[in-house]
Amino acid sequence: MSKNRLTLLLFAITTIAFSQRVEQKADELFALGNYSKAIEAYKALDNPNNVFDKIAKAYIAIGNYGKGLDYYKKATIANPKDAKLNYEYAKLLAKTKKYSDANGLFKTLIESDSLNPNYHYEFGVVIEKQRDTAALDAFKTAFDLDQTHQKAIFKIAKNHLQKREFEKAHQYIDKGLESYANSIELISLKAQTYYHQDFHTHAVVWFNKLLDMGEKSEFIHEKLSLSYAQNSDYEDAIYHRKEALKYNPYDANAMFVIGTYYERLSNFEMAEDFISKSLKLQDVSLSNEYQRLGTIYNRQKKYEKAIKAFQKSLKEDPNNIMSEFFLIRTKDEFYADTDAKIKLYEDFLKKKGKSPFKSFAEMRLKELKQEKFLEQD
């Protein structure tokens, strides 16, 4: 071997060794989370074509998806037949909402390997975003190829739940739980399916499983509360609605519902407290709510407060016949003067002759007139 050839060989070996050390150093920087330095090191290589994918991943790691896309595109151009690169690029296109490009690339991947379940699943996710009803077929294909594919099972089961095809939803959920019993997503779907079937006892069991697994949310506590209430377990219903209220402390509807649960337990003081708080937060017509509060005051014999509540109900809705009659009944209990009571019912019958409460008003008027007659004797 000539001296020149030997020199060139040694130079090539040295260059390769240096490049390997630089790439190794860049890999170490990436592994340690020093992504920007890793990018600089990768770009310093004489032939960065071989590390375009690594540069892309480093950019993605620091949240620069635009650069990540640019370098994945370069990587796939440099290595067009590399399925792994094309798959990663397609997923990033989908993640950045470039659905048309992702759609085309996943179709190409499926053509190259139609037996890969995840290609079909990811394709389904993309066309689902494009509102293509064929997405369900893609998820089912993924499931047919891999019946343990949790993500595909979830999508199929959720679709059946949305269509109220409850038994089919349960079939897929149960199949998924066979291979992964602790799937949060499927356990949640199981609980929701029972809930929408009005099988509240079963729903309680499955929502509680989520809590036992450390999953806590306003949604879970709210649905648990509603399920317990359907079974008349009002103490548990109150507890979980209060837990849900922690996520949204100014939820007037939740406060009102808690008040009604306390009413069912005959805890009228707490019912009054929560319904009053609810009313203060609402700025819509509160006629029914004030009416409810008035009935709670009546149950506690707080007639003066009840009268004010019914008056507020009528102010919110002057056509609320029930509140108008409840107001008269409360005044009947509160007033001592029999003549005043008689006038209440006479005026009511004159103005509301066709009221559903007419018969009761006539009967009560008759009783009052008899009482007055006896008083005169």
Protein backbone atom coordinates (compact mmCIF):
# COMPACT_ATOMS: atom_id res chain seq x y z
CA MET A 1 0.00 0.00 0.00
CA SER A 2 1.32 3.41 -0.99
CA LYS A 3 2.01 6.06 1.57
CA ASN A 4 -0.79 8.33 0.19
CA ARG A 5 -3.36 5.56 0.27
CA LEU A 6 -2.38 4.66 3.80
CA THR A 7 -2.69 8.31 4.83
CA LEU A 8 -6.16 8.55 3.30
CA LEU A 9 -7.24 5.32 4.99
CA LEU A 10 -5.98 6.49 8.36
CA PHE A 11 -7.73 9.84 7.85
CA ALA A 12 -11.01 8.09 6.98
CA ILE A 13 -10.76 5.84 10.03
CA THR A 14 -9.98 8.82 12.25
CA THR A 15 -12.91 10.80 10.77
CA ILE A 16 -15.32 7.92 11.29
CA ALA A 17 -14.11 7.40 14.85
CA PHE A 18 -14.48 11.13 15.55
CA SER A 19 -18.00 11.18 14.10
CA GLN A 20 -18.93 8.18 16.20
CA ARG A 21 -17.66 9.89 19.33
CA VAL A 22 -19.59 13.08 18.47
CA GLU A 23 -22.78 11.09 17.84
CA GLN A 24 -22.25 9.10 21.02
CA LYS A 25 -21.81 12.34 22.96
CA ALA A 26 -24.98 13.73 21.35
CA ASP A 27 -26.86 10.55 22.33
CA GLU A 28 -25.67 10.98 25.92
CA LEU A 29 -26.85 14.60 25.96
CA PHE A 30 -30.24 13.49 24.63
CA ALA A 31 -30.52 10.72 27.24
CA LEU A 32 -29.79 13.24 30.00
CA GLY A 33 -32.47 15.61 28.73
CA ASN A 34 -30.07 18.24 27.41
CA TYR A 35 -31.92 18.37 24.11
CA SER A 36 -30.72 21.71 22.73
CA LYS A 37 -27.07 20.73 23.20
CA ALA A 38 -27.85 17.36 21.65
CA ILE A 39 -29.30 19.09 18.59
CA GLU A 40 -26.14 21.19 18.22
CA ALA A 41 -23.98 18.05 18.47
CA TYR A 42 -26.06 16.12 15.91
CA LYS A 43 -25.93 19.02 13.47
CA ALA A 44 -22.13 19.23 13.85
CA LEU A 45 -21.74 15.80 12.29
CA ASP A 46 -20.27 15.70 8.78
CA ASN A 47 -23.20 13.61 7.55
CA PRO A 48 -26.29 14.50 9.64
CA ASN A 49 -28.58 12.62 7.20
CA ASN A 50 -28.25 9.56 9.42
CA VAL A 51 -29.44 11.41 12.52
CA PHE A 52 -32.29 13.53 11.14
CA ASP A 53 -34.74 11.40 13.14
CA LYS A 54 -32.75 12.00 16.33
CA ILE A 55 -32.75 15.73 15.69
CA ALA A 56 -36.52 15.55 15.11
CA LYS A 57 -37.05 13.73 18.43
CA ALA A 58 -34.90 16.28 20.26
CA TYR A 59 -36.94 19.15 18.82
CA ILE A 60 -40.15 17.40 19.82
CA ALA A 61 -38.77 16.93 23.34
CA ILE A 62 -38.43 20.70 23.74
CA GLY A 63 -41.86 21.30 22.21
CA ASN A 64 -40.76 22.58 18.81
CA TYR A 65 -43.08 20.46 16.69
CA GLY A 66 -42.52 22.56 13.58
CA LYS A 67 -38.81 21.74 13.52
CA GLY A 68 -39.65 18.17 14.48
CA LEU A 69 -41.82 17.84 11.40
CA ASP A 70 -39.14 19.42 9.21
CA TYR A 71 -36.50 16.93 10.32
CA TYR A 72 -38.79 13.91 10.17
CA LYS A 73 -39.59 14.90 6.61
CA LYS A 74 -35.87 15.11 5.83
CA ALA A 75 -35.36 11.74 7.50
CA THR A 76 -38.09 10.07 5.40
CA ILE A 77 -36.74 11.61 2.19
CA ALA A 78 -33.28 10.29 3.03
CA ASN A 79 -34.71 6.87 4.01
CA PRO A 80 -38.03 6.50 2.11
CA LYS A 81 -38.41 2.77 2.82
CA ASP A 82 -37.83 3.01 6.55
CA ALA A 83 -41.26 2.04 7.96
CA LYS A 84 -40.37 3.10 11.50
CA LEU A 85 -39.44 6.62 10.38
CA ASN A 86 -42.59 6.96 8.29
CA TYR A 87 -44.71 5.71 11.20
CA GLU A 88 -43.21 8.25 13.63
CA TYR A 89 -43.60 11.00 11.06
CA ALA A 90 -47.26 10.06 10.43
CA LYS A 91 -48.03 10.11 14.17
CA LEU A 92 -46.47 13.56 14.51
CA LEU A 93 -48.47 14.82 11.54
CA ALA A 94 -51.63 13.59 13.27
CA LYS A 95 -50.59 15.12 16.59
CA THR A 96 -50.06 18.51 14.94
CA LYS A 97 -53.48 18.24 13.22
CA LYS A 98 -52.08 17.85 9.72
CA TYR A 99 -54.70 15.19 9.13
CA SER A 100 -54.64 15.09 5.32
CA ASP A 101 -50.90 14.40 5.22
CA ALA A 102 -51.17 11.89 8.05
CA ASN A 103 -54.08 10.19 6.29
CA GLY A 104 -52.03 9.64 3.13
CA LEU A 105 -48.96 8.39 4.97
CA PHE A 106 -50.94 5.90 7.08
CA LYS A 107 -52.60 4.56 3.94
CA THR A 108 -49.14 3.97 2.45
CA LEU A 109 -48.02 2.20 5.63
CA ILE A 110 -51.12 -0.03 5.58
CA GLU A 111 -50.44 -0.93 1.95
CA SER A 112 -46.93 -1.96 2.93
CA ASP A 113 -48.04 -3.98 5.96
CA SER A 114 -51.80 -4.59 6.22
CA LEU A 115 -51.37 -6.91 9.21
CA ASN A 116 -50.02 -4.23 11.54
CA PRO A 117 -52.95 -3.45 13.90
CA ASN A 118 -51.55 -0.14 15.06
CA TYR A 119 -51.40 1.24 11.52
CA HIS A 120 -55.15 0.66 11.27
CA TYR A 121 -55.79 2.12 14.73
CA GLU A 122 -53.76 5.31 14.08
CA PHE A 123 -55.40 5.66 10.67
CA GLY A 124 -58.78 5.38 12.40
CA VAL A 125 -57.84 8.15 14.86
CA VAL A 126 -56.91 10.43 11.95
CA ILE A 127 -60.05 9.89 9.88
CA GLU A 128 -62.16 10.15 13.03
CA LYS A 129 -60.78 13.69 13.39
CA GLN A 130 -61.79 14.23 9.77
CA ARG A 131 -65.33 13.12 10.70
CA ASP A 132 -65.10 10.05 8.50
CA THR A 133 -67.52 7.33 9.67
CA ALA A 134 -65.11 4.70 8.33
CA ALA A 135 -63.03 5.27 11.48
CA LEU A 136 -65.03 2.59 13.31
CA ASP A 137 -64.14 0.06 10.58
CA ALA A 138 -60.45 0.90 11.06
CA PHE A 139 -60.74 0.35 14.83
CA LYS A 140 -62.51 -2.96 14.26
CA THR A 141 -59.77 -4.06 11.86
CA ALA A 142 -57.17 -3.25 14.51
CA PHE A 143 -59.19 -5.29 17.03
CA ASP A 144 -59.55 -8.23 14.62
CA LEU A 145 -55.77 -8.26 14.18
CA ASP A 146 -55.10 -7.88 17.91
CA GLN A 147 -57.94 -8.63 20.32
CA THR A 148 -55.92 -7.22 23.22
CA HIS A 149 -55.57 -3.80 21.59
CA GLN A 150 -56.85 -1.63 24.45
CA LYS A 151 -57.12 1.61 22.50
CA ALA A 152 -59.11 0.03 19.68
CA ILE A 153 -61.41 -1.71 22.16
CA PHE A 154 -62.06 1.58 23.94
CA LYS A 155 -62.97 3.34 20.69
CA ILE A 156 -65.35 0.55 19.62
CA ALA A 157 -66.99 0.25 23.05
CA LYS A 158 -67.41 4.02 23.32
CA ASN A 159 -69.08 4.09 19.92
CA HIS A 160 -71.58 1.42 21.03
CA LEU A 161 -72.26 3.35 24.25
CA GLN A 162 -72.94 6.55 22.29
CA LYS A 163 -75.42 4.62 20.16
CA ARG A 164 -76.98 3.20 23.36
CA GLU A 165 -76.03 -0.32 22.26
CA PHE A 166 -75.26 -1.23 25.84
CA GLU A 167 -74.83 -4.99 25.54
CA LYS A 168 -72.33 -4.63 22.70
CA ALA A 169 -70.45 -1.99 24.71
CA HIS A 170 -70.23 -4.40 27.66
CA GLN A 171 -68.97 -7.21 25.39
CA TYR A 172 -66.02 -5.18 24.13
CA ILE A 173 -65.26 -3.70 27.55
CA ASP A 174 -65.23 -7.14 29.16
CA LYS A 175 -62.96 -8.43 26.39
CA GLY A 176 -60.53 -5.60 27.06
CA LEU A 177 -60.59 -6.15 30.82
CA GLU A 178 -59.67 -9.81 30.28
CA SER A 179 -56.22 -8.74 29.08
CA TYR A 180 -55.89 -5.62 31.26
CA ALA A 181 -58.09 -5.68 34.35
CA ASN A 182 -56.85 -2.29 35.61
CA SER A 183 -57.61 -0.26 32.50
CA ILE A 184 -58.81 3.10 33.82
CA GLU A 185 -60.43 3.95 30.50
CA LEU A 186 -62.43 0.72 30.25
CA ILE A 187 -63.45 0.73 33.92
CA SER A 188 -64.74 4.28 33.45
CA LEU A 189 -66.60 3.23 30.32
CA LYS A 190 -68.09 0.26 32.19
CA ALA A 191 -69.36 2.56 34.94
CA GLN A 192 -70.82 4.99 32.41
CA THR A 193 -72.54 2.20 30.51
CA TYR A 194 -74.26 0.96 33.66
CA TYR A 195 -75.17 4.56 34.54
CA HIS A 196 -76.86 5.16 31.19
CA GLN A 197 -78.68 1.86 31.53
CA ASP A 198 -80.07 3.14 34.86
CA PHE A 199 -78.37 0.20 36.61
CA HIS A 200 -77.27 2.50 39.40
CA THR A 201 -76.20 -0.17 41.89
CA HIS A 202 -73.72 -1.54 39.33
CA ALA A 203 -72.64 1.97 38.34
CA VAL A 204 -71.78 2.72 41.99
CA VAL A 205 -69.51 -0.34 42.15
CA TRP A 206 -67.56 0.61 39.02
CA PHE A 207 -67.26 4.33 39.77
CA ASN A 208 -65.96 3.40 43.23
CA LYS A 209 -63.35 1.18 41.55
CA LEU A 210 -62.01 4.30 39.87
CA LEU A 211 -61.73 6.05 43.25
CA ASP A 212 -59.98 3.01 44.73
CA MET A 213 -57.44 3.25 41.90
CA GLY A 214 -56.69 6.87 42.76
CA GLU A 215 -58.81 8.40 40.01
CA LYS A 216 -60.70 11.41 41.33
CA SER A 217 -62.63 13.96 39.31
CA GLU A 218 -65.74 16.11 39.39
CA PHE A 219 -67.32 13.78 36.82
CA ILE A 220 -66.80 10.62 38.91
CA HIS A 221 -68.11 12.16 42.15
CA GLU A 222 -71.09 13.73 40.38
CA LYS A 223 -72.12 10.47 38.73
CA LEU A 224 -71.64 8.59 42.00
CA SER A 225 -73.82 11.12 43.77
CA LEU A 226 -76.58 10.81 41.18
CA SER A 227 -76.40 7.01 41.30
CA TYR A 228 -76.59 6.92 45.09
CA ALA A 229 -79.55 9.31 44.98
CA GLN A 230 -81.39 7.03 42.57
CA ASN A 231 -81.05 4.30 45.19
CA SER A 232 -82.21 6.73 47.92
CA ASP A 233 -78.78 6.62 49.59
CA TYR A 234 -78.90 10.34 50.25
CA GLU A 235 -76.05 10.52 52.75
CA ASP A 236 -73.63 9.03 50.21
CA ALA A 237 -75.19 11.18 47.50
CA ILE A 238 -74.53 14.30 49.57
CA TYR A 239 -70.94 13.28 50.34
CA HIS A 240 -70.01 12.75 46.68
CA ARG A 241 -71.85 15.86 45.47
CA LYS A 242 -69.89 17.88 48.01
CA GLU A 243 -66.69 16.26 46.70
CA ALA A 244 -67.71 17.28 43.17
CA LEU A 245 -68.42 20.79 44.45
CA LYS A 246 -64.75 21.13 45.47
CA TYR A 247 -63.84 21.25 41.76
CA ASN A 248 -66.42 23.97 41.08
CA PRO A 249 -67.28 25.75 44.35
CA TYR A 250 -69.73 28.13 42.66
CA ASP A 251 -71.90 25.48 41.01
CA ALA A 252 -75.35 26.72 41.97
CA ASN A 253 -77.09 23.67 40.54
CA ALA A 254 -74.96 21.31 42.66
CA MET A 255 -75.78 23.32 45.78
CA PHE A 256 -79.47 23.17 44.97
CA VAL A 257 -79.32 19.39 44.43
CA ILE A 258 -77.52 18.92 47.77
CA GLY A 259 -80.29 20.95 49.39
CA THR A 260 -82.94 18.63 47.95
CA TYR A 261 -81.04 15.59 49.28
CA TYR A 262 -80.96 17.11 52.76
CA GLU A 263 -84.69 17.74 52.42
CA ARG A 264 -85.22 14.03 51.70
CA LEU A 265 -83.36 13.28 54.93
CA SER A 266 -85.61 15.78 56.76
CA ASN A 267 -82.54 17.85 57.63
CA PHE A 268 -84.32 21.08 56.82
CA GLU A 269 -81.72 23.41 58.28
CA MET A 270 -79.03 22.09 55.91
CA ALA A 271 -81.53 22.02 53.04
CA GLU A 272 -82.30 25.67 53.72
CA ASP A 273 -78.60 26.53 53.87
CA PHE A 274 -77.67 24.95 50.53
CA ILE A 275 -80.73 26.08 48.60
CA SER A 276 -80.26 29.63 49.91
CA LYS A 277 -76.64 29.58 48.73
CA SER A 278 -77.76 28.28 45.36
CA LEU A 279 -80.28 31.09 44.93
CA LYS A 280 -77.68 33.76 45.68
CA LEU A 281 -75.50 32.47 42.87
CA GLN A 282 -78.17 32.30 40.21
CA ASP A 283 -79.28 35.16 38.03
CA VAL A 284 -81.98 33.35 36.03
CA SER A 285 -85.65 32.94 36.90
CA LEU A 286 -85.66 31.41 40.35
CA SER A 287 -89.37 30.88 40.80
CA ASN A 288 -89.19 27.11 41.29
CA GLU A 289 -86.16 27.38 43.53
CA TYR A 290 -87.78 29.97 45.81
CA GLN A 291 -90.89 27.82 45.87
CA ARG A 292 -88.81 24.86 47.02
CA LEU A 293 -87.17 26.99 49.69
CA GLY A 294 -90.59 28.14 50.86
CA THR A 295 -91.79 24.55 51.32
CA ILE A 296 -88.66 23.80 53.35
CA TYR A 297 -89.34 26.79 55.60
CA ASN A 298 -92.89 25.54 56.05
CA ARG A 299 -91.65 22.12 57.12
CA GLN A 300 -89.75 23.90 59.87
CA LYS A 301 -92.78 26.07 60.71
CA LYS A 302 -90.81 29.17 59.72
CA TYR A 303 -93.91 30.67 58.18
CA GLU A 304 -92.75 34.26 57.95
CA LYS A 305 -89.66 33.24 56.00
CA ALA A 306 -91.76 30.92 53.86
CA ILE A 307 -94.13 33.78 52.96
CA LYS A 308 -91.15 35.88 51.80
CA ALA A 309 -89.79 32.98 49.75
CA PHE A 310 -93.14 32.42 47.99
CA GLN A 311 -93.45 36.15 47.34
CA LYS A 312 -90.02 36.09 45.72
CA SER A 313 -91.09 33.07 43.67
CA LEU A 314 -94.09 35.02 42.39
CA LYS A 315 -91.94 38.04 41.69
CA GLU A 316 -89.74 35.82 39.50
CA ASP A 317 -92.79 34.27 37.82
CA PRO A 318 -96.18 35.91 38.46
CA ASN A 319 -97.89 32.97 36.68
CA ASN A 320 -96.61 30.35 39.11
CA ILE A 321 -100.01 29.13 40.35
CA MET A 322 -98.49 26.65 42.77
CA SER A 323 -96.40 29.30 44.52
CA GLU A 324 -99.44 31.57 44.69
CA PHE A 325 -101.50 28.87 46.39
CA PHE A 326 -98.62 27.85 48.70
CA LEU A 327 -98.40 31.51 49.73
CA ILE A 328 -102.08 31.50 50.70
CA ARG A 329 -101.72 28.22 52.59
CA THR A 330 -98.72 29.58 54.49
CA LYS A 331 -100.56 32.76 55.40
CA ASP A 332 -103.44 30.55 56.50
CA GLU A 333 -101.07 28.86 58.95
CA PHE A 334 -99.38 32.10 60.00
CA TYR A 335 -102.33 34.48 60.41
CA ALA A 336 -104.42 34.37 63.55
CA ASP A 337 -107.34 36.43 62.19
CA THR A 338 -110.01 34.14 60.69
CA ASP A 339 -111.53 36.99 58.63
CA ALA A 340 -108.15 37.64 57.04
CA LYS A 341 -107.87 33.96 56.15
CA ILE A 342 -111.36 33.91 54.65
CA LYS A 343 -110.56 36.93 52.49
CA LEU A 344 -107.41 35.18 51.19
CA TYR A 345 -109.42 32.26 49.81
CA GLU A 346 -112.30 34.39 48.53
CA ASP A 347 -109.88 36.59 46.60
CA PHE A 348 -108.07 33.53 45.27
CA LEU A 349 -111.31 31.94 44.01
CA LYS A 350 -112.38 35.18 42.34
CA LYS A 351 -109.10 35.54 40.46
CA LYS A 352 -108.24 31.85 39.94
CA GLY A 353 -111.60 30.21 39.43
CA LYS A 354 -110.11 27.60 37.09
CA SER A 355 -107.12 26.80 39.28
CA PRO A 356 -106.31 23.11 39.97
CA PHE A 357 -106.42 24.15 43.62
CA LYS A 358 -110.03 25.38 43.36
CA SER A 359 -111.57 22.39 45.17
CA PHE A 360 -109.13 22.60 48.05
CA ALA A 361 -109.66 26.37 48.34
CA GLU A 362 -113.44 25.94 48.41
CA MET A 363 -113.19 23.23 51.07
CA ARG A 364 -110.84 25.31 53.22
CA LEU A 365 -113.06 28.39 52.83
CA LYS A 366 -116.01 26.36 54.04
CA GLU A 367 -114.03 25.18 57.08
CA LEU A 368 -112.99 28.74 57.95
CA LYS A 369 -116.54 30.04 57.72
CA GLN A 370 -117.66 27.26 60.05
CA GLU A 371 -114.88 28.19 62.47
CA LYS A 372 -116.02 31.83 62.38
CA PHE A 373 -119.58 30.80 63.04
CA LEU A 374 -118.50 28.73 66.05
CA GLU A 375 -116.39 31.65 67.32
CA GLN A 376 -119.46 33.90 67.21
CA ASP A 377 -121.45 31.41 69.23
